[in-house]
Protein backbone atom coordinates (compact mmCIF):
# COMPACT_ATOMS: atom_id res chain seq x y z
CA UNK A 1 -0.25 0.12 0.03
CA UNK A 2 1.05 3.31 -0.85
CA UNK A 3 0.04 4.67 2.32
CA UNK A 4 3.22 2.47 4.28
CA UNK A 5 5.98 4.84 3.38
CA UNK A 6 7.93 2.62 4.88
CA UNK A 7 7.97 0.46 1.90
CA UNK A 8 9.31 2.72 -0.74
CA UNK A 9 11.36 5.65 1.26
CA UNK A 10 14.57 4.12 0.15
CA UNK A 11 14.32 4.87 -3.24
CA UNK A 12 15.75 8.16 -3.35
CA UNK A 13 18.42 10.14 -4.90
CA UNK A 14 20.49 13.38 -3.63
CA UNK A 15 18.79 16.13 -4.22
CA UNK A 16 19.87 19.42 -6.03
CA UNK A 17 16.88 21.30 -5.65
CA UNK A 18 14.85 22.57 -3.65
CA UNK A 19 17.51 22.68 -0.38
CA UNK A 20 20.42 21.51 -0.28
CA UNK A 21 19.49 19.12 3.12
CA UNK A 22 17.31 17.12 1.37
CA UNK A 23 16.72 13.74 -1.23
CA UNK A 24 13.92 13.74 -3.76
CA UNK A 25 11.51 10.62 -3.18
CA UNK A 26 11.10 8.96 -6.50
CA UNK A 27 7.27 9.00 -6.78
CA UNK A 28 4.96 8.92 -9.84
CA UNK A 29 2.81 12.43 -10.19
CA UNK A 30 0.30 10.10 -10.27
CA UNK A 31 1.25 8.59 -7.18
CA UNK A 32 1.84 11.85 -5.17
CA UNK A 33 -1.56 12.89 -6.32
CA UNK A 34 -3.11 9.69 -4.86
CA UNK A 35 -0.95 10.19 -1.59
CA UNK A 36 -2.30 13.65 -1.15
CA UNK A 37 -6.08 12.26 -2.01
CA UNK A 38 -5.68 10.08 0.60
CA UNK A 39 -4.14 11.87 3.63
CA UNK A 40 -6.01 12.06 6.69
CA UNK A 41 -6.54 15.02 8.34
CA UNK A 42 -8.55 18.62 8.26
CA UNK A 43 -11.11 19.22 4.86
CA UNK A 44 -8.20 20.97 2.31
CA UNK A 45 -8.78 24.44 1.62
CA UNK A 46 -7.33 25.72 -1.56
CA UNK A 47 -7.54 29.22 -0.58
CA UNK A 48 -4.59 28.82 1.41
CA UNK A 49 -1.67 27.53 -0.56
CA UNK A 50 1.17 25.23 1.09
CA UNK A 51 3.57 26.48 3.55
CA UNK A 52 6.99 24.20 3.47
CA UNK A 53 10.22 25.37 4.40
CA UNK A 54 13.61 24.18 5.60
CA UNK A 55 15.74 25.54 8.14
CA UNK A 56 19.36 24.55 9.36
CA UNK A 57 20.80 24.75 12.97
CA UNK A 58 17.32 26.35 14.59
CA UNK A 59 18.61 25.04 18.03
CA UNK A 60 22.47 24.55 18.40
CA UNK A 61 23.59 21.38 19.33
CA UNK A 62 24.27 22.12 23.19
CA UNK A 63 19.67 23.13 22.91
CA UNK A 64 19.33 19.90 21.49
CA UNK A 65 21.38 17.53 23.58
CA UNK A 66 19.65 19.35 26.64
CA UNK A 67 16.40 18.40 25.26
CA UNK A 68 17.22 14.90 24.65
CA UNK A 69 18.94 14.35 28.48
CA UNK A 70 15.94 15.88 29.56
CA UNK A 71 12.67 13.96 27.81
CA UNK A 72 14.80 10.86 28.32
CA UNK A 73 14.86 11.54 32.10
CA UNK A 74 11.59 11.79 32.44
CA UNK A 75 10.07 9.15 30.54
CA UNK A 76 11.94 6.93 32.91
CA UNK A 77 10.42 8.44 35.23
CA UNK A 78 6.97 9.16 33.82
CA UNK A 79 6.48 5.80 31.42
CA UNK A 80 6.16 2.37 31.15
CA UNK A 81 9.03 0.40 30.03
CA UNK A 82 6.86 -0.14 27.05
CA UNK A 83 6.48 3.16 25.61
CA UNK A 84 7.71 3.82 22.66
CA UNK A 85 6.27 7.15 21.81
CA UNK A 86 6.40 9.24 24.88
CA UNK A 87 5.50 12.84 24.42
CA UNK A 88 6.10 15.49 27.16
CA UNK A 89 4.46 18.68 26.49
CA UNK A 90 5.74 21.89 28.05
CA UNK A 91 4.86 25.61 28.68
CA UNK A 92 6.75 28.53 26.95
CA UNK A 93 8.21 29.14 30.25
CA UNK A 94 9.27 26.03 30.90
CA UNK A 95 11.20 25.54 27.57
CA UNK A 96 12.67 29.15 28.15
CA UNK A 97 14.00 28.03 31.60
CA UNK A 98 15.34 24.75 29.75
CA UNK A 99 17.41 26.70 26.76
CA UNK A 100 16.99 30.42 26.98
CA UNK A 101 14.72 33.45 25.84
CA UNK A 102 17.10 33.87 22.67
CA UNK A 103 15.90 30.02 21.84
CA UNK A 104 12.61 30.03 22.65
CA UNK A 105 12.46 33.43 20.72
CA UNK A 106 13.89 32.07 17.21
CA UNK A 107 11.47 29.09 17.64
CA UNK A 108 8.60 31.65 17.93
CA UNK A 109 9.75 33.79 14.88
CA UNK A 110 8.82 31.22 13.12
CA UNK A 111 5.15 30.52 14.18
CA UNK A 112 2.37 33.02 13.25
CA UNK A 113 2.75 35.87 16.07
CA UNK A 114 0.58 38.26 14.71
CA UNK A 115 -2.95 36.86 15.78
CA UNK A 116 -4.11 37.55 19.14
CA UNK A 117 -5.72 34.17 19.67
CA UNK A 118 -2.32 32.06 19.45
CA UNK A 119 -2.09 29.57 21.13
CA UNK A 120 1.40 28.43 21.38
CA UNK A 121 2.32 24.59 22.22
CA UNK A 122 5.92 22.77 22.75
CA UNK A 123 6.05 19.03 23.03
CA UNK A 124 8.96 17.04 23.41
CA UNK A 125 9.02 13.72 21.89
CA UNK A 126 11.29 10.29 22.28
CA UNK A 127 10.68 7.49 20.06
CA UNK A 128 11.87 4.02 20.42
CA UNK A 129 11.42 1.10 17.64
CA UNK A 130 7.99 -1.25 18.29
CA UNK A 131 9.39 -4.53 19.81
CA UNK A 132 8.16 -7.17 17.11
CA UNK A 133 8.68 -7.89 13.09
CA UNK A 134 5.45 -5.83 12.47
CA UNK A 135 6.92 -1.51 12.69
CA UNK A 136 4.63 1.34 12.66
CA UNK A 137 5.27 4.08 10.38
CA UNK A 138 2.92 7.46 10.90
CA UNK A 139 0.58 7.27 7.74
CA UNK A 140 0.06 10.48 5.19
CA UNK A 141 -1.41 13.08 6.78
CA UNK A 142 -2.18 17.06 7.25
CA UNK A 143 -2.12 18.58 10.33
CA UNK A 144 -4.74 20.61 12.26
CA UNK A 145 -2.72 23.12 13.57
CA UNK A 146 -2.51 26.03 11.26
CA UNK A 147 0.97 26.01 11.52
CA UNK A 148 4.06 23.90 12.67
CA UNK A 149 7.74 23.65 13.33
CA UNK A 150 8.58 20.36 13.83
CA UNK A 151 12.82 20.27 15.10
CA UNK A 152 14.94 17.10 14.97
CA UNK A 153 17.13 17.41 18.29
CA UNK A 154 19.94 14.07 17.33
CA UNK A 155 21.12 13.97 13.97
CA UNK A 156 18.63 10.80 11.35
CA UNK A 157 22.39 9.13 11.27
CA UNK A 158 21.64 7.98 14.98
CA UNK A 159 18.86 6.14 14.23
CA UNK A 160 17.30 4.22 11.07
CA UNK A 161 13.88 4.59 9.71
CA UNK A 162 11.76 7.86 11.07
CA UNK A 163 12.28 9.62 8.04
CA UNK A 164 10.00 12.37 7.68
CA UNK A 165 8.64 12.96 3.78
CA UNK A 166 6.57 15.23 2.78
CA UNK A 167 4.80 15.33 -0.64
CA UNK A 168 3.28 18.01 -2.76
CA UNK A 169 1.62 17.50 -6.63
CA UNK A 170 5.22 18.37 -8.05
CA UNK A 171 7.85 16.14 -5.88
CA UNK A 172 8.21 14.61 -2.59
CA UNK A 173 11.19 15.14 -0.92
CA UNK A 174 12.89 13.44 2.59
CA UNK A 175 15.20 16.30 4.39
CA UNK A 176 18.35 15.23 6.01
CA UNK A 177 18.18 15.79 9.51
CA UNK A 178 20.98 16.62 11.55
CA UNK A 179 20.30 17.74 15.41
CA UNK A 180 18.86 21.68 15.27
CA UNK A 181 17.48 21.22 11.80
CA UNK A 182 13.82 22.42 11.68
CA UNK A 183 10.60 22.07 9.13
CA UNK A 184 7.86 24.57 8.86
CA UNK A 185 4.82 23.82 7.42
CA UNK A 186 1.08 24.26 7.84
CA UNK A 187 -2.02 22.53 7.11
CA UNK A 188 -1.89 22.15 3.43
CA UNK A 189 0.70 20.13 3.64
CA UNK A 190 0.75 16.24 3.29
CA UNK A 191 3.43 14.59 5.11
CA UNK A 192 4.10 11.14 6.99
CA UNK A 193 7.00 9.24 8.61
CA UNK A 194 8.33 5.93 8.07
CA UNK A 195 9.07 3.23 10.76
CA UNK A 196 11.76 2.84 13.02
CA UNK A 197 13.85 0.64 12.58
CA UNK A 198 16.95 1.34 15.07
CA UNK A 199 18.02 3.90 17.84
CA UNK A 200 16.16 6.22 19.51
CA UNK A 201 14.80 9.74 18.10
CA UNK A 202 14.03 13.27 19.39
CA UNK A 203 12.30 16.07 18.18
CA UNK A 204 10.77 18.79 19.54
CA UNK A 205 7.54 19.67 17.89
CA UNK A 206 5.96 23.73 18.44
CA UNK A 207 2.34 24.10 17.22
CA UNK A 208 0.28 27.56 16.29
CA UNK A 209 -3.11 26.28 17.48
CA UNK A 210 -6.58 28.75 17.35
CA UNK A 211 -9.19 28.30 20.46
CA UNK A 212 -11.68 27.54 17.18
CA UNK A 213 -9.46 24.28 16.53
CA UNK A 214 -11.19 20.77 17.94
CA UNK A 215 -9.87 20.77 21.34
CA UNK A 216 -6.46 21.76 22.18
CA UNK A 217 -5.17 18.01 21.11
CA UNK A 218 -6.73 17.47 18.04
CA UNK A 219 -3.82 18.43 16.10
CA UNK A 220 -1.22 16.30 17.92
CA UNK A 221 -3.50 13.68 20.25
CA UNK A 222 -2.51 11.54 23.35
CA UNK A 223 0.27 13.52 24.83
CA UNK A 224 1.63 11.62 27.70
CA UNK A 225 2.53 14.02 30.21
CA UNK A 226 2.84 17.21 31.70
CA UNK A 227 6.24 18.74 32.47
CA UNK A 228 4.81 20.44 35.72
CA UNK A 229 3.33 16.91 36.19
């Protein structure tokens, strides 16, 4: 099935365009259109075009390392041993205490801060492979949040699988993600993640949500724990 993206994501070639840190995924135009049509998520609003950009070094290596160690400690203390996808939500104040005002401001600069009704959410995520032969990918979908900033906290060379894949009518791309690399996208962008096979994948996801979304967790459900707990 095309939506099981782990089956074909390894068929990549070095990308000369659109960015120097990405790989193009070899899919036919018909396959891309089909994936977009089948993607889950909010209804497509054709008044707004897709927004997708990469930001190198949004967080420095020391900041990434600090967040990895923090979520690792909290995962050990708060989750079960078999928790393969641990998520920890932070407030802006908690994230600033862990990093700095400048680092938090750098992330917020890529979110829309012009709206008076902003809801900013920060979720630390620690993912490990699902035990057994059957591995789980994240099928292609569109986020409910109007804008998302997804930051890799460790390099993709530290694990196998777990690769973000973005599909548009014109191209499909798998960003090569060193620690600190960020992807910014709006709710029109179709994307998925291949099954994680080995290693541990750490990320920080920042959402810009609005009060008229279907609940604060609609775009990123099943948050495991709150940092203040």
